[in-house]
Every structure is written in structure tokens, then in C-alpha cells.
N, C-alpha and C. Protein backbone atom coordinates (compact mmCIF):
# COMPACT_ATOMS: atom_id res chain seq x y z
N MET A 1 81.18 119.38 89.16
CA MET A 1 81.59 117.99 89.34
C MET A 1 82.74 117.95 90.35
N PRO A 2 82.61 117.17 91.42
CA PRO A 2 83.67 117.12 92.43
C PRO A 2 84.91 116.43 91.89
N ALA A 3 86.05 116.85 92.43
CA ALA A 3 87.32 116.26 92.02
C ALA A 3 87.39 114.81 92.49
N VAL A 4 88.06 113.97 91.71
CA VAL A 4 88.25 112.58 92.08
C VAL A 4 89.41 112.51 93.07
N ARG A 5 89.14 111.89 94.21
CA ARG A 5 90.19 111.74 95.23
C ARG A 5 90.94 110.44 94.97
N PRO A 6 92.27 110.49 94.99
CA PRO A 6 93.04 109.25 94.82
C PRO A 6 92.67 108.24 95.92
N VAL A 7 92.58 106.98 95.52
CA VAL A 7 92.21 105.92 96.44
C VAL A 7 93.47 105.22 96.94
N ILE A 8 93.60 105.15 98.26
CA ILE A 8 94.71 104.47 98.91
C ILE A 8 94.17 103.23 99.60
N LEU A 9 94.77 102.09 99.33
CA LEU A 9 94.46 100.87 100.06
C LEU A 9 95.51 100.69 101.14
N MET A 10 95.08 100.72 102.40
CA MET A 10 96.00 100.52 103.51
C MET A 10 95.80 99.09 104.01
N VAL A 11 96.87 98.30 103.96
CA VAL A 11 96.83 96.93 104.45
C VAL A 11 97.63 96.91 105.75
N GLU A 12 96.90 96.88 106.86
CA GLU A 12 97.49 97.06 108.18
C GLU A 12 96.63 96.34 109.20
N ASP A 13 97.23 95.50 110.03
CA ASP A 13 96.45 94.74 111.01
C ASP A 13 96.25 95.47 112.33
N HIS A 14 97.00 96.48 112.62
CA HIS A 14 96.92 97.16 113.91
C HIS A 14 95.86 98.26 113.86
N PRO A 15 94.78 98.14 114.66
CA PRO A 15 93.71 99.13 114.59
C PRO A 15 94.14 100.54 114.96
N GLY A 16 95.10 100.69 115.85
CA GLY A 16 95.57 102.02 116.22
C GLY A 16 96.24 102.74 115.06
N PHE A 17 97.11 102.03 114.34
CA PHE A 17 97.74 102.65 113.17
C PHE A 17 96.72 102.93 112.07
N ARG A 18 95.75 102.03 111.90
CA ARG A 18 94.71 102.29 110.89
C ARG A 18 93.94 103.56 111.23
N ARG A 19 93.60 103.74 112.49
CA ARG A 19 92.86 104.93 112.90
C ARG A 19 93.67 106.20 112.65
N ILE A 20 94.93 106.18 113.06
CA ILE A 20 95.80 107.35 112.89
C ILE A 20 95.97 107.70 111.42
N TYR A 21 96.27 106.69 110.60
CA TYR A 21 96.51 106.97 109.18
C TYR A 21 95.22 107.25 108.42
N ARG A 22 94.09 106.69 108.88
CA ARG A 22 92.80 107.02 108.25
C ARG A 22 92.55 108.52 108.38
N GLU A 23 92.71 109.04 109.58
CA GLU A 23 92.48 110.47 109.80
C GLU A 23 93.47 111.31 109.00
N LEU A 24 94.73 110.94 109.05
CA LEU A 24 95.77 111.67 108.32
C LEU A 24 95.49 111.71 106.82
N LEU A 25 95.20 110.55 106.24
CA LEU A 25 95.02 110.48 104.79
C LEU A 25 93.71 111.13 104.33
N GLU A 26 92.65 110.91 105.08
CA GLU A 26 91.39 111.54 104.70
C GLU A 26 91.47 113.06 104.82
N ASN A 27 92.15 113.56 105.84
CA ASN A 27 92.34 115.01 105.97
C ASN A 27 93.22 115.58 104.85
N ALA A 28 94.07 114.74 104.29
CA ALA A 28 94.94 115.17 103.19
C ALA A 28 94.24 115.03 101.83
N GLY A 29 92.98 114.57 101.82
CA GLY A 29 92.23 114.52 100.58
C GLY A 29 92.21 113.19 99.86
N TYR A 30 92.64 112.13 100.53
CA TYR A 30 92.63 110.81 99.91
C TYR A 30 91.40 110.03 100.36
N GLU A 31 90.94 109.15 99.49
CA GLU A 31 89.91 108.18 99.88
C GLU A 31 90.66 106.94 100.37
N LEU A 32 90.31 106.46 101.54
CA LEU A 32 91.03 105.34 102.14
C LEU A 32 90.14 104.11 102.23
N VAL A 33 90.72 102.98 101.80
CA VAL A 33 90.09 101.67 101.96
C VAL A 33 91.05 100.87 102.81
N GLU A 34 90.50 100.11 103.77
CA GLU A 34 91.35 99.39 104.72
C GLU A 34 91.17 97.88 104.61
N ALA A 35 92.28 97.17 104.81
CA ALA A 35 92.28 95.72 104.91
C ALA A 35 93.09 95.36 106.14
N GLU A 36 92.63 94.35 106.90
CA GLU A 36 93.27 93.96 108.15
C GLU A 36 94.34 92.89 107.98
N ASP A 37 94.42 92.29 106.81
CA ASP A 37 95.42 91.25 106.59
C ASP A 37 95.75 91.18 105.10
N GLY A 38 96.82 90.46 104.79
CA GLY A 38 97.28 90.38 103.41
C GLY A 38 96.31 89.71 102.46
N ALA A 39 95.59 88.69 102.92
CA ALA A 39 94.66 87.99 102.05
C ALA A 39 93.53 88.91 101.60
N SER A 40 92.92 89.64 102.54
CA SER A 40 91.85 90.56 102.15
C SER A 40 92.42 91.76 101.39
N GLY A 41 93.65 92.16 101.71
CA GLY A 41 94.30 93.23 100.96
C GLY A 41 94.48 92.87 99.49
N TYR A 42 94.87 91.63 99.25
CA TYR A 42 95.06 91.18 97.86
C TYR A 42 93.73 91.22 97.10
N GLU A 43 92.68 90.72 97.71
CA GLU A 43 91.37 90.72 97.04
C GLU A 43 90.89 92.14 96.77
N LEU A 44 91.06 93.03 97.74
CA LEU A 44 90.65 94.42 97.53
C LEU A 44 91.49 95.10 96.45
N ALA A 45 92.78 94.81 96.42
CA ALA A 45 93.65 95.40 95.39
C ALA A 45 93.21 94.97 94.00
N ARG A 46 92.88 93.71 93.85
CA ARG A 46 92.42 93.20 92.55
C ARG A 46 91.08 93.83 92.16
N MET A 47 90.19 93.95 93.12
CA MET A 47 88.85 94.45 92.85
C MET A 47 88.84 95.96 92.60
N LEU A 48 89.55 96.72 93.45
CA LEU A 48 89.48 98.18 93.41
C LEU A 48 90.52 98.83 92.50
N ARG A 49 91.66 98.16 92.35
CA ARG A 49 92.79 98.74 91.62
C ARG A 49 93.06 100.16 92.11
N PRO A 50 93.46 100.28 93.38
CA PRO A 50 93.66 101.61 93.97
C PRO A 50 94.83 102.34 93.32
N ASP A 51 94.91 103.62 93.61
CA ASP A 51 96.01 104.44 93.08
C ASP A 51 97.32 104.11 93.76
N LEU A 52 97.26 103.59 95.00
CA LEU A 52 98.46 103.29 95.76
C LEU A 52 98.09 102.33 96.89
N ILE A 53 99.06 101.48 97.28
CA ILE A 53 98.87 100.59 98.41
C ILE A 53 99.90 100.95 99.47
N LEU A 54 99.42 101.13 100.68
CA LEU A 54 100.26 101.37 101.85
C LEU A 54 100.27 100.05 102.62
N LEU A 55 101.42 99.40 102.71
CA LEU A 55 101.49 98.00 103.12
C LEU A 55 102.36 97.78 104.35
N ASP A 56 101.76 97.19 105.38
CA ASP A 56 102.51 96.73 106.55
C ASP A 56 103.12 95.38 106.19
N LEU A 57 104.19 95.00 106.89
CA LEU A 57 104.82 93.71 106.63
C LEU A 57 104.40 92.62 107.60
N VAL A 58 104.19 92.98 108.86
CA VAL A 58 103.89 91.98 109.88
C VAL A 58 102.37 91.90 110.06
N MET A 59 101.77 90.86 109.46
CA MET A 59 100.32 90.69 109.52
C MET A 59 99.98 89.20 109.55
N PRO A 60 98.78 88.89 110.05
CA PRO A 60 98.33 87.50 110.01
C PRO A 60 97.86 87.10 108.61
N VAL A 61 97.64 85.84 108.43
CA VAL A 61 97.09 85.20 107.23
C VAL A 61 98.09 85.23 106.07
N CYS A 62 98.52 86.40 105.66
CA CYS A 62 99.47 86.57 104.56
C CYS A 62 100.28 87.81 104.90
N ASP A 63 101.58 87.64 105.17
CA ASP A 63 102.36 88.82 105.57
C ASP A 63 102.63 89.74 104.38
N GLY A 64 103.19 90.89 104.68
CA GLY A 64 103.41 91.89 103.64
C GLY A 64 104.38 91.46 102.55
N PHE A 65 105.39 90.68 102.90
CA PHE A 65 106.32 90.20 101.88
C PHE A 65 105.59 89.29 100.88
N GLU A 66 104.78 88.37 101.40
CA GLU A 66 104.02 87.46 100.53
C GLU A 66 103.03 88.24 99.69
N LEU A 67 102.36 89.21 100.31
CA LEU A 67 101.40 90.02 99.56
C LEU A 67 102.09 90.80 98.46
N LEU A 68 103.22 91.39 98.76
CA LEU A 68 103.96 92.14 97.74
C LEU A 68 104.35 91.24 96.58
N HIS A 69 104.80 90.05 96.88
CA HIS A 69 105.14 89.07 95.84
C HIS A 69 103.92 88.74 94.98
N ARG A 70 102.78 88.53 95.61
CA ARG A 70 101.55 88.21 94.87
C ARG A 70 101.09 89.40 94.03
N LEU A 71 101.16 90.60 94.58
CA LEU A 71 100.74 91.78 93.84
C LEU A 71 101.58 91.97 92.58
N ARG A 72 102.89 91.82 92.72
CA ARG A 72 103.78 92.03 91.57
C ARG A 72 103.68 90.92 90.53
N GLY A 73 103.23 89.75 90.94
CA GLY A 73 103.08 88.64 90.00
C GLY A 73 101.73 88.59 89.32
N ASP A 74 100.85 89.50 89.63
CA ASP A 74 99.49 89.51 89.09
C ASP A 74 99.37 90.68 88.12
N GLU A 75 99.00 90.41 86.88
CA GLU A 75 98.94 91.48 85.88
C GLU A 75 97.93 92.57 86.24
N VAL A 76 96.93 92.25 87.05
CA VAL A 76 95.93 93.24 87.45
C VAL A 76 96.52 94.24 88.45
N THR A 77 97.42 93.78 89.32
CA THR A 77 97.93 94.62 90.40
C THR A 77 99.41 94.99 90.27
N ALA A 78 100.08 94.45 89.28
CA ALA A 78 101.53 94.61 89.16
C ALA A 78 101.97 96.07 89.08
N GLY A 79 101.17 96.94 88.49
CA GLY A 79 101.58 98.33 88.29
C GLY A 79 101.15 99.28 89.39
N ILE A 80 100.46 98.80 90.40
CA ILE A 80 100.01 99.69 91.48
C ILE A 80 101.20 100.03 92.37
N PRO A 81 101.49 101.31 92.58
CA PRO A 81 102.60 101.67 93.48
C PRO A 81 102.35 101.16 94.90
N VAL A 82 103.41 100.66 95.53
CA VAL A 82 103.32 100.14 96.89
C VAL A 82 104.38 100.82 97.75
N ILE A 83 103.91 101.42 98.85
CA ILE A 83 104.81 101.94 99.87
C ILE A 83 104.70 101.00 101.06
N VAL A 84 105.82 100.39 101.42
CA VAL A 84 105.86 99.57 102.62
C VAL A 84 106.05 100.52 103.79
N PHE A 85 105.20 100.36 104.80
CA PHE A 85 105.42 101.10 106.04
C PHE A 85 105.32 100.09 107.17
N SER A 86 106.44 99.92 107.84
CA SER A 86 106.56 98.83 108.79
C SER A 86 107.45 99.22 109.96
N VAL A 87 107.26 98.54 111.08
CA VAL A 87 108.16 98.72 112.21
C VAL A 87 109.48 97.99 111.96
N MET A 88 109.51 97.14 110.95
CA MET A 88 110.72 96.40 110.61
C MET A 88 111.65 97.33 109.82
N GLY A 89 112.70 97.78 110.47
CA GLY A 89 113.60 98.74 109.83
C GLY A 89 115.00 98.20 109.58
N GLU A 90 115.17 96.90 109.70
CA GLU A 90 116.49 96.31 109.45
C GLU A 90 116.82 96.38 107.96
N PRO A 91 118.08 96.62 107.62
CA PRO A 91 118.47 96.71 106.21
C PRO A 91 118.05 95.48 105.39
N ASP A 92 118.13 94.28 105.96
CA ASP A 92 117.73 93.09 105.21
C ASP A 92 116.24 93.12 104.86
N ASP A 93 115.41 93.60 105.78
CA ASP A 93 113.97 93.69 105.52
C ASP A 93 113.69 94.73 104.43
N ILE A 94 114.36 95.85 104.52
CA ILE A 94 114.16 96.91 103.53
C ILE A 94 114.62 96.44 102.15
N GLN A 95 115.78 95.82 102.08
CA GLN A 95 116.28 95.32 100.79
C GLN A 95 115.36 94.24 100.22
N ARG A 96 114.85 93.36 101.08
CA ARG A 96 113.94 92.32 100.62
C ARG A 96 112.67 92.94 100.03
N ALA A 97 112.13 93.95 100.69
CA ALA A 97 110.93 94.62 100.18
C ALA A 97 111.19 95.24 98.81
N TYR A 98 112.32 95.90 98.65
CA TYR A 98 112.65 96.49 97.35
C TYR A 98 112.85 95.40 96.28
N ARG A 99 113.50 94.31 96.64
CA ARG A 99 113.68 93.21 95.69
C ARG A 99 112.34 92.63 95.23
N LEU A 100 111.37 92.62 96.13
CA LEU A 100 110.04 92.09 95.79
C LEU A 100 109.19 93.10 95.02
N GLY A 101 109.67 94.33 94.89
CA GLY A 101 108.97 95.30 94.06
C GLY A 101 108.37 96.50 94.76
N ALA A 102 108.71 96.73 96.02
CA ALA A 102 108.22 97.94 96.70
C ALA A 102 108.73 99.18 95.98
N ASP A 103 107.89 100.19 95.90
CA ASP A 103 108.30 101.45 95.29
C ASP A 103 108.97 102.37 96.29
N ASP A 104 108.63 102.20 97.56
CA ASP A 104 109.25 102.99 98.61
C ASP A 104 109.07 102.27 99.93
N TYR A 105 109.77 102.75 100.96
CA TYR A 105 109.77 102.09 102.27
C TYR A 105 109.90 103.16 103.34
N THR A 106 109.06 103.06 104.36
CA THR A 106 109.12 103.97 105.50
C THR A 106 109.03 103.16 106.77
N VAL A 107 109.90 103.45 107.72
CA VAL A 107 109.80 102.81 109.03
C VAL A 107 108.68 103.51 109.77
N LYS A 108 107.73 102.71 110.22
CA LYS A 108 106.50 103.23 110.83
C LYS A 108 106.76 103.75 112.24
N CYS A 109 106.38 105.00 112.44
CA CYS A 109 106.36 105.60 113.76
C CYS A 109 105.43 106.81 113.67
N LEU A 110 105.04 107.33 114.79
CA LEU A 110 104.10 108.44 114.77
C LEU A 110 104.68 109.70 114.13
N ASP A 111 106.01 109.84 114.15
CA ASP A 111 106.65 111.00 113.55
C ASP A 111 106.84 110.88 112.04
N SER A 112 106.46 109.75 111.45
CA SER A 112 106.71 109.54 110.03
C SER A 112 105.56 110.01 109.15
N SER A 113 104.53 110.63 109.71
CA SER A 113 103.35 110.97 108.92
C SER A 113 103.65 111.93 107.77
N ASP A 114 104.48 112.95 107.99
CA ASP A 114 104.83 113.87 106.90
C ASP A 114 105.59 113.15 105.80
N ASP A 115 106.47 112.24 106.19
CA ASP A 115 107.24 111.45 105.23
C ASP A 115 106.31 110.58 104.40
N VAL A 116 105.37 109.92 105.05
CA VAL A 116 104.42 109.06 104.34
C VAL A 116 103.57 109.88 103.38
N LEU A 117 103.07 111.02 103.82
CA LEU A 117 102.27 111.87 102.94
C LEU A 117 103.05 112.33 101.72
N ALA A 118 104.31 112.69 101.90
CA ALA A 118 105.13 113.13 100.77
C ALA A 118 105.34 112.00 99.78
N LYS A 119 105.58 110.79 100.28
CA LYS A 119 105.78 109.64 99.39
C LYS A 119 104.50 109.28 98.66
N ILE A 120 103.36 109.35 99.34
CA ILE A 120 102.08 109.07 98.70
C ILE A 120 101.81 110.09 97.60
N ALA A 121 102.04 111.35 97.89
CA ALA A 121 101.81 112.40 96.89
C ALA A 121 102.70 112.19 95.66
N ARG A 122 103.92 111.73 95.89
CA ARG A 122 104.84 111.51 94.77
C ARG A 122 104.42 110.31 93.92
N LEU A 123 103.90 109.27 94.55
CA LEU A 123 103.62 108.03 93.82
C LEU A 123 102.18 107.86 93.35
N SER A 124 101.23 108.53 93.99
CA SER A 124 99.84 108.37 93.56
C SER A 124 99.57 109.33 92.41
N SER A 125 98.84 108.84 91.47
CA SER A 125 98.57 109.68 90.30
C SER A 125 97.26 110.42 90.48
N PRO A 126 97.27 111.74 90.27
CA PRO A 126 96.04 112.50 90.38
C PRO A 126 95.14 112.23 89.18
N GLY A 127 93.92 112.60 89.32
CA GLY A 127 92.98 112.43 88.21
C GLY A 127 92.22 111.12 88.33
N VAL A 128 91.60 110.76 87.25
CA VAL A 128 90.75 109.57 87.26
C VAL A 128 91.63 108.33 87.15
N PRO A 129 91.55 107.44 88.14
CA PRO A 129 92.34 106.22 88.08
C PRO A 129 91.81 105.28 87.04
N ASP A 130 92.66 104.38 86.57
CA ASP A 130 92.32 103.39 85.57
C ASP A 130 91.62 102.22 86.25
N ARG A 131 90.31 102.31 86.33
CA ARG A 131 89.53 101.24 86.98
C ARG A 131 88.55 100.65 85.99
N VAL A 132 88.22 99.41 86.21
CA VAL A 132 87.22 98.73 85.37
C VAL A 132 85.90 98.72 86.10
């Protein structure tokens, strides 16, 4: 029986970052599901109940701050770990993300891949996820 790979939902509107992180995460043994905006990310989070959400802040339709607020206010998604990864690195943005319930925060750049992988490994739970 094959091992269950932790499922990561990446909510990111930039196709270049999605491509880079898709390769990185799949090579590290994660199953990746992608959403291009916060609205579709919310629906996928409710439906899939992933092991972890990797969340950009600057997106169309529903930005990452609004999505984080919605995720934490929904009993179905409230317990899913969320790592914000964004180009927004100002202290006010980081503090706001933590106040809204982010579990961790990484400023997005190409050199941050090892940092992101370490945070995902720390926050995603191995084994069979609690899915309905």
C-alpha cells in the first residue's frame, strides 16, 4: 500500500510561482492542489480539507487577508495550518496575517524554497489526513 502524501493547497495567482512551487513540493513528496484566487481557494479548502494551505496575499477576487479571515471563521477550515508566503514583507502586513490566524509567514522569493519546505514539514501532519 503506497504511503499517503500530505496534501498542500497553494492559493497563488502568479503562474510562475505556481510552477516553481509545484515542482518543488511535488519533488519533496507532497500532493499539490492549486487555486488561482482566494474565492476558489476557499471552496477547495472546504471541499478537500488539505493538510496545509500555502497562501499568497495579493490576489484578485478575494485577497489573502480576506481568505485567511474566512478560513479561520469556518469550522470546516479553521484548524488547517496556513503559511502565508507573500512579496509583502512589511511588519504591518506580517502582524496582520498573524492576527488573522496565520501559523507562519515567509517573504516570497526564489531563495526562500528551503525555508518554505521546512515550515511545511513542521506544520503538515504526516499520515492519513482527516477528510470526509
